[in-house]
Structure formats: C-alpha cells, structure tokens
C-alpha atoms as a PDB file:
ATOM      1  CA  MET A   1     116.319 145.137  89.602  1.00  0.00           C
ATOM      2  CA  PRO A   2     112.523 145.041  90.057  1.00  0.00           C
ATOM      3  CA  THR A   3     111.421 142.437  92.580  1.00  0.00           C
ATOM      4  CA  LYS A   4     108.577 141.214  90.375  1.00  0.00           C
ATOM      5  CA  ILE A   5     110.776 140.053  87.481  1.00  0.00           C
ATOM      6  CA  THR A   6     113.389 138.666  89.895  1.00  0.00           C
ATOM      7  CA  ASP A   7     110.787 136.516  91.660  1.00  0.00           C
ATOM      8  CA  TRP A   8     109.420 135.339  88.324  1.00  0.00           C
ATOM      9  CA  LEU A   9     112.854 134.299  87.063  1.00  0.00           C
ATOM     10  CA  LEU A  10     113.623 132.488  90.327  1.00  0.00           C
ATOM     11  CA  ALA A  11     110.316 130.635  90.174  1.00  0.00           C
ATOM     12  CA  CYS A  12     110.819 129.638  86.541  1.00  0.00           C
ATOM     13  CA  LYS A  13     112.191 126.087  86.340  1.00  0.00           C
ATOM     14  CA  ARG A  14     112.732 126.052  82.572  1.00  0.00           C
ATOM     15  CA  LYS A  15     116.084 126.760  80.953  1.00  0.00           C
ATOM     16  CA  ARG A  16     114.552 128.778  78.137  1.00  0.00           C
ATOM     17  CA  VAL A  17     112.149 131.715  78.338  1.00  0.00           C
ATOM     18  CA  THR A  18     110.497 133.801  75.637  1.00  0.00           C
ATOM     19  CA  LEU A  19     110.475 137.543  75.159  1.00  0.00           C
ATOM     20  CA  ASP A  20     106.691 137.612  75.535  1.00  0.00           C
ATOM     21  CA  GLU A  21     106.918 135.838  78.900  1.00  0.00           C
ATOM     22  CA  LEU A  22     109.560 138.262  80.146  1.00  0.00           C
ATOM     23  CA  GLN A  23     107.534 141.264  79.048  1.00  0.00           C
ATOM     24  CA  GLN A  24     104.382 139.895  80.684  1.00  0.00           C
ATOM     25  CA  ALA A  25     106.264 139.296  83.938  1.00  0.00           C
ATOM     26  CA  SER A  26     107.523 142.894  83.861  1.00  0.00           C
ATOM     27  CA  MET A  27     104.135 144.557  83.367  1.00  0.00           C
ATOM     28  CA  PRO A  28     103.215 147.425  83.605  1.00  0.00           C
ATOM     29  CA  MET A  29     106.756 148.537  82.745  1.00  0.00           C
ATOM     30  CA  SER A  30     107.145 150.688  79.624  1.00  0.00           C
ATOM     31  CA  TYR A  31     108.873 149.159  76.611  1.00  0.00           C
ATOM     32  CA  ALA A  32     111.863 151.532  76.987  1.00  0.00           C
ATOM     33  CA  ASP A  33     112.363 150.482  80.626  1.00  0.00           C
ATOM     34  CA  PHE A  34     111.799 146.851  79.702  1.00  0.00           C
ATOM     35  CA  ARG A  35     114.536 147.049  77.070  1.00  0.00           C
ATOM     36  CA  GLN A  36     116.962 148.489  79.633  1.00  0.00           C
ATOM     37  CA  LEU A  37     116.013 145.706  82.036  1.00  0.00           C
ATOM     38  CA  LEU A  38     116.787 143.013  79.466  1.00  0.00           C
ATOM     39  CA  GLU A  39     120.122 144.610  78.688  1.00  0.00           C
ATOM     40  CA  LYS A  40     120.927 144.557  82.425  1.00  0.00           C
ATOM     41  CA  LEU A  41     119.915 140.901  82.714  1.00  0.00           C
ATOM     42  CA  GLN A  42     122.183 140.051  79.792  1.00  0.00           C
ATOM     43  CA  SER A  43     125.149 141.994  81.179  1.00  0.00           C
ATOM     44  CA  ASP A  44     124.701 140.201  84.518  1.00  0.00           C
ATOM     45  CA  ASP A  45     124.839 136.838  82.685  1.00  0.00           C
ATOM     46  CA  ILE A  46     121.303 135.962  83.795  1.00  0.00           C
ATOM     47  CA  LEU A  47     119.870 135.877  80.261  1.00  0.00           C
ATOM     48  CA  THR A  48     121.689 134.833  77.084  1.00  0.00           C
ATOM     49  CA  PRO A  49     120.001 135.531  73.725  1.00  0.00           C
ATOM     50  CA  ILE A  50     119.422 132.459  71.573  1.00  0.00           C
ATOM     51  CA  LYS A  51     120.926 133.418  68.238  1.00  0.00           C
ATOM     52  CA  ALA A  52     118.785 131.039  66.228  1.00  0.00           C
ATOM     53  CA  ALA A  53     115.632 132.787  67.464  1.00  0.00           C
ATOM     54  CA  SER A  54     114.137 135.763  65.630  1.00  0.00           C
ATOM     55  CA  THR A  55     114.086 139.298  67.028  1.00  0.00           C
ATOM     56  CA  ASP A  56     111.401 141.899  67.629  1.00  0.00           C
ATOM     57  CA  HIS A  57     111.210 145.302  65.920  1.00  0.00           C
ATOM     58  CA  SER A  58     113.998 146.747  68.120  1.00  0.00           C
ATOM     59  CA  GLY A  59     116.342 143.784  67.876  1.00  0.00           C
ATOM     60  CA  LEU A  60     115.521 142.010  71.145  1.00  0.00           C
ATOM     61  CA  ALA A  61     115.797 138.242  70.835  1.00  0.00           C
ATOM     62  CA  ARG A  62     112.545 136.325  70.958  1.00  0.00           C
ATOM     63  CA  LYS A  63     114.072 133.587  73.171  1.00  0.00           C
ATOM     64  CA  TYR A  64     116.684 133.479  75.938  1.00  0.00           C
ATOM     65  CA  THR A  65     118.591 130.920  77.977  1.00  0.00           C
ATOM     66  CA  LEU A  66     118.017 131.490  81.701  1.00  0.00           C
ATOM     67  CA  HIS A  67     120.893 131.192  84.213  1.00  0.00           C
ATOM     68  CA  ARG A  68     119.474 131.328  87.754  1.00  0.00           C
ATOM     69  CA  GLY A  69     122.820 131.178  89.569  1.00  0.00           C
ATOM     70  CA  PRO A  70     123.568 134.932  89.602  1.00  0.00           C
ATOM     71  CA  LEU A  71     120.031 135.587  90.832  1.00  0.00           C
ATOM     72  CA  LEU A  72     120.347 133.171  93.734  1.00  0.00           C
ATOM     73  CA  ALA A  73     123.515 134.596  95.256  1.00  0.00           C
ATOM     74  CA  PRO A  74     122.017 137.757  96.888  1.00  0.00           C
ATOM     75  CA  THR A  75     119.008 135.841  98.220  1.00  0.00           C
ATOM     76  CA  ALA A  76     121.180 133.038  99.595  1.00  0.00           C
ATOM     77  CA  GLN A  77     123.425 135.536 101.353  1.00  0.00           C
ATOM     78  CA  LYS A  78     120.485 137.458 102.809  1.00  0.00           C
ATOM     79  CA  ILE A  79     118.873 134.281 104.153  1.00  0.00           C
ATOM     80  CA  ALA A  80     122.175 133.160 105.680  1.00  0.00           C
ATOM     81  CA  GLN A  81     122.567 136.523 107.436  1.00  0.00           C
ATOM     82  CA  GLU A  82     119.023 136.439 108.804  1.00  0.00           C
ATOM     83  CA  ALA A  83     119.427 132.846 109.977  1.00  0.00           C
ATOM     84  CA  LEU A  84     122.611 133.797 111.799  1.00  0.00           C
ATOM     85  CA  ALA A  85     120.988 136.820 113.423  1.00  0.00           C
ATOM     86  CA  THR A  86     118.026 134.690 114.541  1.00  0.00           C
ATOM     87  CA  GLY A  87     120.288 132.004 115.971  1.00  0.00           C
ATOM     88  CA  LEU A  88     118.714 129.110 114.076  1.00  0.00           C
ATOM     89  CA  SER A  89     119.675 125.581 115.042  1.00  0.00           C
ATOM     90  CA  GLY A  90     122.688 124.217 113.189  1.00  0.00           C
ATOM     91  CA  GLU A  91     120.617 121.129 112.335  1.00  0.00           C
ATOM     92  CA  ILE A  92     118.496 123.155 109.948  1.00  0.00           C
ATOM     93  CA  ASN A  93     119.717 123.152 106.340  1.00  0.00           C
ATOM     94  CA  LEU A  94     118.573 126.221 104.396  1.00  0.00           C
ATOM     95  CA  SER A  95     119.988 125.220 101.009  1.00  0.00           C
ATOM     96  CA  TRP A  96     116.545 124.633  99.488  1.00  0.00           C
ATOM     97  CA  TYR A  97     115.269 128.045 100.586  1.00  0.00           C
ATOM     98  CA  GLN A  98     118.396 129.716  99.241  1.00  0.00           C
ATOM     99  CA  GLN A  99     117.398 128.513  95.761  1.00  0.00           C
ATOM    100  CA  GLN A 100     113.829 129.847  95.940  1.00  0.00           C
ATOM    101  CA  PRO A 101     112.288 133.322  95.722  1.00  0.00           C
ATOM    102  CA  TYR A 102     112.849 135.306  98.904  1.00  0.00           C
ATOM    103  CA  ALA A 103     109.073 135.362  99.476  1.00  0.00           C
ATOM    104  CA  ILE A 104     109.142 131.597 100.134  1.00  0.00           C
ATOM    105  CA  TRP A 105     111.644 132.117 102.939  1.00  0.00           C
ATOM    106  CA  GLN A 106     109.542 134.953 104.361  1.00  0.00           C
ATOM    107  CA  ARG A 107     106.423 132.759 104.274  1.00  0.00           C
ATOM    108  CA  ASP A 108     108.055 129.932 106.278  1.00  0.00           C
ATOM    109  CA  GLN A 109     110.425 131.947 108.446  1.00  0.00           C
ATOM    110  CA  GLN A 110     108.222 131.934 111.553  1.00  0.00           C
ATOM    111  CA  ALA A 111     107.616 128.182 111.346  1.00  0.00           C
ATOM    112  CA  ILE A 112     111.348 127.566 110.843  1.00  0.00           C
ATOM    113  CA  ALA A 113     112.095 129.635 113.953  1.00  0.00           C
ATOM    114  CA  GLN A 114     109.536 127.607 115.950  1.00  0.00           C
ATOM    115  CA  LEU A 115     111.099 124.372 114.750  1.00  0.00           C
ATOM    116  CA  SER A 116     114.566 125.662 115.589  1.00  0.00           C
ATOM    117  CA  ARG A 117     113.546 126.460 119.161  1.00  0.00           C
ATOM    118  CA  TYR A 118     112.116 122.960 119.528  1.00  0.00           C
ATOM    119  CA  LEU A 119     115.335 121.352 118.236  1.00  0.00           C
ATOM    120  CA  GLN A 120     117.475 123.479 120.528  1.00  0.00           C
ATOM    121  CA  LYS A 121     115.294 122.542 123.504  1.00  0.00           C
ATOM    122  CA  HIS A 122     115.305 118.829 122.651  1.00  0.00           C
ATOM    123  CA  THR A 123     118.910 118.056 121.776  1.00  0.00           C
ATOM    124  CA  ASP A 124     118.683 114.492 123.082  1.00  0.00           C
ATOM    125  CA  THR A 125     116.066 111.772 122.685  1.00  0.00           C
ATOM    126  CA  ILE A 126     112.535 113.043 122.073  1.00  0.00           C
ATOM    127  CA  THR A 127     109.489 111.228 123.408  1.00  0.00           C
ATOM    128  CA  PRO A 128     107.761 109.439 120.482  1.00  0.00           C
ATOM    129  CA  ALA A 129     104.548 111.039 119.227  1.00  0.00           C
ATOM    130  CA  SER A 130     102.202 111.025 116.270  1.00  0.00           C
ATOM    131  CA  LEU A 131     102.659 113.502 113.422  1.00  0.00           C
ATOM    132  CA  GLN A 132      99.665 115.537 114.578  1.00  0.00           C
ATOM    133  CA  GLN A 133     100.778 115.577 118.213  1.00  0.00           C
ATOM    134  CA  ARG A 134     104.307 116.673 117.365  1.00  0.00           C
ATOM    135  CA  SER A 135     102.983 119.293 114.950  1.00  0.00           C
ATOM    136  CA  TYR A 136     100.922 120.760 117.782  1.00  0.00           C
ATOM    137  CA  ASP A 137     103.903 120.612 120.170  1.00  0.00           C
ATOM    138  CA  ILE A 138     106.056 122.643 117.783  1.00  0.00           C
ATOM    139  CA  PHE A 139     103.693 124.974 115.952  1.00  0.00           C
ATOM    140  CA  GLY A 140     100.547 125.067 118.082  1.00  0.00           C
ATOM    141  CA  ASP A 141      98.761 123.697 115.014  1.00  0.00           C
ATOM    142  CA  GLU A 142      98.089 119.976 114.828  1.00  0.00           C
ATOM    143  CA  LYS A 143      97.640 120.088 111.047  1.00  0.00           C
ATOM    144  CA  TYR A 144     100.720 122.121 110.049  1.00  0.00           C
ATOM    145  CA  LEU A 145     102.980 119.173 109.187  1.00  0.00           C
ATOM    146  CA  LEU A 146     100.090 117.426 107.423  1.00  0.00           C
ATOM    147  CA  GLN A 147      99.472 120.413 105.177  1.00  0.00           C
ATOM    148  CA  ALA A 148     103.157 121.284 104.650  1.00  0.00           C
ATOM    149  CA  ALA A 149     104.163 117.784 103.634  1.00  0.00           C
ATOM    150  CA  ASP A 150     107.659 118.700 102.359  1.00  0.00           C
ATOM    151  CA  PHE A 151     108.535 121.174 105.112  1.00  0.00           C
ATOM    152  CA  LEU A 152     110.919 118.882 106.995  1.00  0.00           C
ATOM    153  CA  THR A 153     112.472 117.529 103.795  1.00  0.00           C
ATOM    154  CA  HIS A 154     113.252 121.060 102.614  1.00  0.00           C
ATOM    155  CA  LEU A 155     115.116 121.648 105.880  1.00  0.00           C
ATOM    156  CA  GLY A 156     117.082 118.398 105.715  1.00  0.00           C
ATOM    157  CA  LEU A 157     115.282 116.856 108.687  1.00  0.00           C
ATOM    158  CA  THR A 158     113.627 113.470 109.106  1.00  0.00           C
ATOM    159  CA  PRO A 159     110.458 112.712 111.092  1.00  0.00           C
ATOM    160  CA  ALA A 160     112.572 110.416 113.291  1.00  0.00           C
ATOM    161  CA  ARG A 161     114.637 113.400 114.488  1.00  0.00           C
ATOM    162  CA  LEU A 162     111.432 114.884 115.920  1.00  0.00           C
ATOM    163  CA  GLY A 163     110.346 111.614 117.479  1.00  0.00           C
ATOM    164  CA  ILE A 164     107.500 111.200 114.988  1.00  0.00           C
ATOM    165  CA  VAL A 165     106.430 107.576 114.737  1.00  0.00           C
ATOM    166  CA  PRO A 166     104.386 106.261 111.808  1.00  0.00           C
ATOM    167  CA  GLU A 167     100.813 105.316 112.529  1.00  0.00           C
ATOM    168  CA  SER A 168      98.568 103.089 110.529  1.00  0.00           C
ATOM    169  CA  ASP A 169      94.889 103.935 110.311  1.00  0.00           C
ATOM    170  CA  PRO A 170      93.098 102.295 113.233  1.00  0.00           C
ATOM    171  CA  LEU A 171      90.476  99.693 112.527  1.00  0.00           C
ATOM    172  CA  MET A 172      87.140 101.502 112.825  1.00  0.00           C
ATOM    173  CA  PHE A 173      85.254  98.546 114.217  1.00  0.00           C
ATOM    174  CA  ALA A 174      83.305  97.892 117.416  1.00  0.00           C
ATOM    175  CA  THR A 175      84.979  95.916 120.201  1.00  0.00           C
ATOM    176  CA  ARG A 176      83.544  93.015 122.145  1.00  0.00           C
ATOM    177  CA  PRO A 177      81.672  94.446 125.156  1.00  0.00           C
ATOM    178  CA  PHE A 178      83.296  94.172 128.534  1.00  0.00           C
ATOM    179  CA  THR A 179      81.636  92.460 131.474  1.00  0.00           C
ATOM    180  CA  GLY A 180      80.050  94.504 134.231  1.00  0.00           C
ATOM    181  CA  GLN A 181      77.470  96.510 132.289  1.00  0.00           C
ATOM    182  CA  ASP A 182      74.068  94.882 132.340  1.00  0.00           C
ATOM    183  CA  THR A 183      71.519  97.431 131.182  1.00  0.00           C
ATOM    184  CA  LEU A 184      73.394 100.384 129.662  1.00  0.00           C
ATOM    185  CA  TYR A 185      76.505 100.452 127.481  1.00  0.00           C
ATOM    186  CA  HIS A 186      78.594 103.575 127.029  1.00  0.00           C
ATOM    187  CA  HIS A 187      80.634 104.396 123.917  1.00  0.00           C
ATOM    188  CA  LEU A 188      83.130 107.225 123.378  1.00  0.00           C
ATOM    189  CA  ILE A 189      83.618 108.886 119.978  1.00  0.00           C
ATOM    190  CA  VAL A 190      87.017 110.525 119.538  1.00  0.00           C
ATOM    191  CA  GLU A 191      87.180 112.652 116.409  1.00  0.00           C
ATOM    192  CA  ASN A 192      90.900 112.456 115.534  1.00  0.00           C
ATOM    193  CA  LYS A 193      93.341 109.584 115.112  1.00  0.00           C
ATOM    194  CA  ALA A 194      96.130 110.820 117.425  1.00  0.00           C
ATOM    195  CA  PRO A 195      94.051 111.003 120.647  1.00  0.00           C
ATOM    196  CA  TRP A 196      92.316 107.756 119.623  1.00  0.00           C
ATOM    197  CA  GLN A 197      95.678 106.013 119.494  1.00  0.00           C
ATOM    198  CA  ALA A 198      96.731 107.591 122.788  1.00  0.00           C
ATOM    199  CA  MET A 199      93.625 106.302 124.579  1.00  0.00           C
ATOM    200  CA  LEU A 200      93.476 102.838 123.017  1.00  0.00           C
ATOM    201  CA  PRO A 201      95.938 101.087 125.414  1.00  0.00           C
ATOM    202  CA  HIS A 202      93.950 102.410 128.381  1.00  0.00           C
ATOM    203  CA  LEU A 203      90.470 101.485 127.176  1.00  0.00           C
ATOM    204  CA  PRO A 204      90.057  98.713 129.843  1.00  0.00           C
ATOM    205  CA  ALA A 205      90.605 101.361 132.549  1.00  0.00           C
ATOM    206  CA  THR A 206      87.686 103.465 131.274  1.00  0.00           C
ATOM    207  CA  PRO A 207      83.943 102.892 131.635  1.00  0.00           C
ATOM    208  CA  PHE A 208      83.443 102.671 127.880  1.00  0.00           C
ATOM    209  CA  THR A 209      82.498  99.550 125.971  1.00  0.00           C
ATOM    210  CA  THR A 210      83.951 100.890 122.720  1.00  0.00           C
ATOM    211  CA  LEU A 211      86.294 103.611 121.605  1.00  0.00           C
ATOM    212  CA  ILE A 212      85.113 104.862 118.225  1.00  0.00           C
ATOM    213  CA  LEU A 213      87.199 106.849 115.735  1.00  0.00           C
ATOM    214  CA  GLY A 214      84.941 109.577 114.406  1.00  0.00           C
ATOM    215  CA  TYR A 215      87.086 111.003 111.573  1.00  0.00           C
ATOM    216  CA  GLY A 216      85.035 114.177 111.351  1.00  0.00           C
ATOM    217  CA  TRP A 217      81.764 113.926 109.483  1.00  0.00           C
ATOM    218  CA  LYS A 218      82.214 110.223 108.666  1.00  0.00           C
ATOM    219  CA  ILE A 219      80.808 109.264 112.054  1.00  0.00           C
ATOM    220  CA  CYS A 220      77.387 110.729 111.230  1.00  0.00           C
ATOM    221  CA  ALA A 221      76.687 108.040 108.624  1.00  0.00           C
ATOM    222  CA  GLY A 222      77.502 104.822 110.476  1.00  0.00           C
ATOM    223  CA  LEU A 223      76.566 105.389 114.108  1.00  0.00           C
ATOM    224  CA  ALA A 224      73.100 103.880 113.792  1.00  0.00           C
ATOM    225  CA  GLN A 225      74.504 100.391 113.230  1.00  0.00           C
ATOM    226  CA  LEU A 226      76.638 100.406 116.382  1.00  0.00           C
ATOM    227  CA  PRO A 227      74.304  98.201 118.520  1.00  0.00           C
ATOM    228  CA  GLN A 228      74.351  95.459 115.903  1.00  0.00           C
ATOM    229  CA  GLN A 229      78.092  95.740 115.242  1.00  0.00           C
ATOM    230  CA  CYS A 230      79.001  95.317 118.892  1.00  0.00           C
ATOM    231  CA  GLY A 231      76.651  92.358 119.291  1.00  0.00           C
ATOM    232  CA  LEU A 232      74.134  94.087 121.547  1.00  0.00           C
ATOM    233  CA  PRO A 233      71.197  94.983 119.290  1.00  0.00           C
ATOM    234  CA  ASP A 234      68.624  94.944 122.089  1.00  0.00           C
ATOM    235  CA  ALA A 235      70.606  96.715 124.801  1.00  0.00           C
ATOM    236  CA  ARG A 236      70.508 100.384 125.762  1.00  0.00           C
ATOM    237  CA  HIS A 237      73.380 102.517 124.540  1.00  0.00           C
ATOM    238  CA  CYS A 238      74.684 105.991 125.288  1.00  0.00           C
ATOM    239  CA  ILE A 239      77.132 107.800 122.988  1.00  0.00           C
ATOM    240  CA  TRP A 240      79.622 110.345 124.289  1.00  0.00           C
ATOM    241  CA  TYR A 241      81.328 112.731 121.868  1.00  0.00           C
ATOM    242  CA  PHE A 242      84.745 114.384 122.099  1.00  0.00           C
ATOM    243  CA  GLY A 243      85.912 116.502 119.167  1.00  0.00           C
ATOM    244  CA  ASP A 244      87.942 119.605 118.410  1.00  0.00           C
ATOM    245  CA  LEU A 245      86.583 122.673 120.160  1.00  0.00           C
ATOM    246  CA  ASP A 246      85.943 124.659 116.994  1.00  0.00           C
ATOM    247  CA  TRP A 247      82.892 125.467 114.895  1.00  0.00           C
ATOM    248  CA  GLU A 248      83.273 122.316 112.817  1.00  0.00           C
ATOM    249  CA  GLY A 249      83.475 120.078 115.864  1.00  0.00           C
ATOM    250  CA  LEU A 250      80.344 121.667 117.309  1.00  0.00           C
ATOM    251  CA  ARG A 251      78.518 121.205 114.004  1.00  0.00           C
ATOM    252  CA  ILE A 252      79.359 117.501 113.982  1.00  0.00           C
ATOM    253  CA  PHE A 253      78.113 117.091 117.552  1.00  0.00           C
ATOM    254  CA  THR A 254      74.876 118.955 116.796  1.00  0.00           C
ATOM    255  CA  THR A 255      74.265 116.843 113.689  1.00  0.00           C
ATOM    256  CA  LEU A 256      74.872 113.642 115.651  1.00  0.00           C
ATOM    257  CA  GLN A 257      72.351 114.742 118.254  1.00  0.00           C
ATOM    258  CA  GLU A 258      69.753 115.494 115.589  1.00  0.00           C
ATOM    259  CA  GLN A 259      70.237 112.422 113.392  1.00  0.00           C
ATOM    260  CA  SER A 260      71.366 109.585 115.637  1.00  0.00           C
ATOM    261  CA  PRO A 261      68.716 107.109 116.902  1.00  0.00           C
ATOM    262  CA  LEU A 262      70.963 106.692 119.956  1.00  0.00           C
ATOM    263  CA  PRO A 263      71.316 109.353 122.673  1.00  0.00           C
ATOM    264  CA  VAL A 264      74.434 111.479 122.110  1.00  0.00           C
ATOM    265  CA  ARG A 265      76.009 113.538 124.858  1.00  0.00           C
ATOM    266  CA  LEU A 266      79.005 115.826 125.063  1.00  0.00           C
ATOM    267  CA  ALA A 267      81.966 114.384 126.982  1.00  0.00           C
ATOM    268  CA  VAL A 268      82.232 117.506 129.148  1.00  0.00           C
ATOM    269  CA  PRO A 269      85.419 116.733 131.176  1.00  0.00           C
ATOM    270  CA  PHE A 270      87.514 116.809 127.979  1.00  0.00           C
ATOM    271  CA  TYR A 271      86.272 120.291 127.130  1.00  0.00           C
ATOM    272  CA  THR A 272      86.840 121.506 130.679  1.00  0.00           C
ATOM    273  CA  ALA A 273      90.433 120.231 130.568  1.00  0.00           C
ATOM    274  CA  PHE A 274      91.216 122.328 127.481  1.00  0.00           C
ATOM    275  CA  TRP A 275      91.452 125.477 129.598  1.00  0.00           C
ATOM    276  CA  GLN A 276      94.598 124.219 131.279  1.00  0.00           C
ATOM    277  CA  HIS A 277      96.370 124.903 127.957  1.00  0.00           C
ATOM    278  CA  PRO A 278      96.808 127.984 125.750  1.00  0.00           C
ATOM    279  CA  ALA A 279      94.296 128.221 122.924  1.00  0.00           C
ATOM    280  CA  ALA A 280      95.392 127.888 119.293  1.00  0.00           C
ATOM    281  CA  HIS A 281      94.738 130.440 116.539  1.00  0.00           C
ATOM    282  CA  GLY A 282      93.624 129.654 113.002  1.00  0.00           C
ATOM    283  CA  LYS A 283      90.869 127.839 111.119  1.00  0.00           C
ATOM    284  CA  THR A 284      89.671 131.207 109.858  1.00  0.00           C
ATOM    285  CA  ASN A 285      87.932 129.472 106.946  1.00  0.00           C
ATOM    286  CA  GLN A 286      85.312 127.935 109.247  1.00  0.00           C
ATOM    287  CA  GLN A 287      81.925 129.615 109.247  1.00  0.00           C
ATOM    288  CA  PRO A 288      80.545 130.560 112.681  1.00  0.00           C
ATOM    289  CA  ALA A 289      77.544 128.523 113.817  1.00  0.00           C
ATOM    290  CA  PRO A 290      76.144 130.239 116.925  1.00  0.00           C
ATOM    291  CA  GLU A 291      73.077 127.987 116.772  1.00  0.00           C
ATOM    292  CA  CYS A 292      75.365 125.092 117.771  1.00  0.00           C
ATOM    293  CA  LEU A 293      76.105 126.845 121.050  1.00  0.00           C
ATOM    294  CA  GLU A 294      72.428 126.633 121.907  1.00  0.00           C
ATOM    295  CA  SER A 295      72.553 122.848 121.522  1.00  0.00           C
ATOM    296  CA  LEU A 296      75.270 122.790 124.197  1.00  0.00           C
ATOM    297  CA  ARG A 297      73.304 124.811 126.735  1.00  0.00           C
ATOM    298  CA  PRO A 298      71.542 121.831 128.409  1.00  0.00           C
ATOM    299  CA  GLN A 299      74.833 119.948 128.774  1.00  0.00           C
ATOM    300  CA  LEU A 300      77.324 122.585 129.916  1.00  0.00           C
ATOM    301  CA  PRO A 301      77.645 124.861 132.935  1.00  0.00           C
ATOM    302  CA  ALA A 302      76.769 128.439 131.971  1.00  0.00           C
ATOM    303  CA  GLU A 303      80.289 129.664 132.779  1.00  0.00           C
ATOM    304  CA  LEU A 304      81.939 127.105 130.490  1.00  0.00           C
ATOM    305  CA  LEU A 305      79.470 127.828 127.688  1.00  0.00           C
ATOM    306  CA  ALA A 306      80.279 131.550 127.947  1.00  0.00           C
ATOM    307  CA  ARG A 307      84.019 130.824 127.780  1.00  0.00           C
ATOM    308  CA  ILE A 308      83.536 128.663 124.689  1.00  0.00           C
ATOM    309  CA  ALA A 309      81.485 131.366 122.968  1.00  0.00           C
ATOM    310  CA  ALA A 310      84.160 133.995 123.705  1.00  0.00           C
ATOM    311  CA  LEU A 311      86.950 131.660 122.541  1.00  0.00           C
ATOM    312  CA  LEU A 312      85.338 131.012 119.157  1.00  0.00           C
ATOM    313  CA  LYS A 313      84.354 134.655 118.694  1.00  0.00           C
ATOM    314  CA  ASN A 314      88.033 135.608 119.126  1.00  0.00           C
ATOM    315  CA  GLY A 315      89.074 133.229 116.336  1.00  0.00           C
ATOM    316  CA  GLN A 316      90.654 130.703 118.704  1.00  0.00           C
ATOM    317  CA  TYR A 317      90.105 126.980 119.113  1.00  0.00           C
ATOM    318  CA  TYR A 318      91.353 123.852 120.888  1.00  0.00           C
ATOM    319  CA  PRO A 319      92.352 120.723 118.963  1.00  0.00           C
ATOM    320  CA  GLN A 320      92.035 117.382 120.705  1.00  0.00           C
ATOM    321  CA  GLU A 321      95.819 117.075 120.515  1.00  0.00           C
ATOM    322  CA  ALA A 322      96.106 119.838 123.144  1.00  0.00           C
ATOM    323  CA  LEU A 323      95.440 117.215 125.845  1.00  0.00           C
ATOM    324  CA  THR A 324      98.170 114.826 126.985  1.00  0.00           C
ATOM    325  CA  PRO A 325      97.569 111.044 127.139  1.00  0.00           C
ATOM    326  CA  ALA A 326      97.318 111.263 130.927  1.00  0.00           C
ATOM    327  CA  GLU A 327      94.703 114.016 130.669  1.00  0.00           C
ATOM    328  CA  LEU A 328      92.743 112.051 128.081  1.00  0.00           C
ATOM    329  CA  LEU A 329      92.576 109.040 130.380  1.00  0.00           C
ATOM    330  CA  ALA A 330      91.562 111.134 133.392  1.00  0.00           C
ATOM    331  CA  CYS A 331      88.792 112.807 131.400  1.00  0.00           C
ATOM    332  CA  ALA A 332      87.532 109.449 130.114  1.00  0.00           C
ATOM    333  CA  LYS A 333      87.237 108.174 133.680  1.00  0.00           C
ATOM    334  CA  GLU A 334      85.310 111.274 134.758  1.00  0.00           C
ATOM    335  CA  THR A 335      82.898 111.519 131.832  1.00  0.00           C
ATOM    336  CA  ILE A 336      80.136 109.201 132.999  1.00  0.00           C
ATOM    337  CA  HIS A 337      80.356 109.667 136.775  1.00  0.00           C
ATOM    338  CA  GLY A 338      77.667 111.955 138.093  1.00  0.00           C
ATOM    339  CA  THR A 339      75.180 111.202 135.326  1.00  0.00           C
ATOM    340  CA  GLY A 340      73.363 108.603 137.372  1.00  0.00           C
ATOM    341  CA  GLU A 341      73.670 106.096 134.561  1.00  0.00           C
ATOM    342  CA  PHE A 342      76.916 104.306 135.421  1.00  0.00           C
END
C-alpha cells in the first residue's frame, strides 16, 4: 500500500472520510489505480462504504467509515522490533508512537534513544535540576523539553522520574546593596532562569550587589533604571553580562553596550569556562552577526575571540546551562578581579 495514503489515514482522527479526501491524499495516482487502492482498503477492513451516501460515476461510495486498527498493527510491530534491537529502557512506553504514523517515530527516535541511555545510567535517585538543565543533560539542548512539551507524557514518564523540579519565575527586582562597596557597585546579568536560580543561593559569596535575570532582549529596556531601583541613584555602577554563546546572545550584549547609560562589560570567565565542555549543535535559524564579534575584541583575548568565531561559523554554540553550579560560582568570583575596580 502506498506510504502516502497510509500516513494520511493514520493521521486522520475522524471516523468518517470522503471520497474526495481519499483521492486528494492519493494524488497523483491515476483513477484506475485509485479504484484498486480503495478496493484493497475495503477488503482489509480499513474502509467501510457508508450505504446512505451517494456514489461516483463508477460506483465508489462518496463516504467511508475509517477503521485505523488494521493500519496500526504493522507499524506497532515494526516499532517494537526496532526498540528491542536498540535496547531501549523498559521504563519507556511506546504505545503512543505505535498509534501514530511511522514518520513520527522516526522523527523522535534519536531523542528517545538519548533519553533511554540517561534512564539506564541513572536507575536510582537523580540529582534535582531545572527543566532546562535536565534537557541539556539528556539531549545537549537546553530547550528540547520546553519545545517538545508532550514528549515525556507520550513515553509514559513524569518529570519527577528525571529529577526535574518545578521552578517559579524569579522576582526580577533589585536587591538591597551589600556593605563593603563604597564607590563602585557591580551587577551581574544572567540571561536564563536556570543558571540564575543556580547562582542565587551563592550571591553573598560573589562580589556582585545584584543578580539580574536578563530573559533575553527584555533586559535592554529596563537596565537604565537599575541605580534608582537598588537605592543608589548617585553611585557608580558597572554591569557585567553573561548570556548564551550564540549569535543572539552576542547581539543582546552589543545592544546593551550601545544603549545602556551604564558601562556594560562581558563576564569573560564564564565564556572561558565553556571550553571545558563539548559544544552544542543547533539554532540554525539564527542569523550570523559578525559585527558583534568586533564589539568583543577590546574585552577578550585574541585566542578566545578566534575560538568563538570558529565555533559560531561551524554552527555550534554554548548555552549557559552547560556550566555546573560550582563552575558558575567560580566564574562569578573571578569576573571582577584583575579589572582594577574591585
């Protein structure tokens, strides 16, 4: 049976289909071949003509009742065989995939294998983590579980099984300044929620007065009011930025530098620490912005700038979630030292 019509019938959630829909789904098949196909579908008990409906010029019914069961059996068996050959974890339930077009299984098969390896490696208690952090741990993509919201549900798994703990949105508000800084106050912008949460308990151990959640481009609008919000409108302030090492993150940093009335610097130790980890692949929809690399030149060693340029040219990137909580804290402590301003 042609794959095209099989996939269409599997994807169809209605119990009744029309002759016109079936013919459209079978294009560019000739009418003679289409008629033979319908006869085969009827003999296999996949389609049942609705007697009350009219017929076309050759006697084909204009409407049919669709029975998806016979269609599902070969796909379900094939998926079960492939899962067995791959050695998937017994915790993974493939029932949902066995009721979908085979193309859906093919699309998610690699991710399912990655998840299976993680489950088999962590059979006991898993260290708690945010959704983004755990997504990066499993798939090398911190946004995978955000974008594939039903992925775990389809596999019969709960976030708790993966140690994912719910997180409320942090309060994006300035903190009361700490004592010990008389003339210059330092503030750290962290672009994403997961590393922000990881660093929050350790803020007193860092040289920063505030830890600011950037949330991508949102930070560009409100940074100017920081001195007033933290109760130090007349003091000197220095902003340090840490974002994803991708084109978008560099654009945000460049825009902050251009628009902010406060000095904005790159938190270099975080970007240096990335190279201790394998780079991620993806974000192919981002447009290159080589001009942003020029804005980094005064702040980065030439060797590191060259490595960043090569990384982005190769379609790779580093999300903030690549760094562990311990690495985040170490980088925060190192950021200001050596600048002569702390």
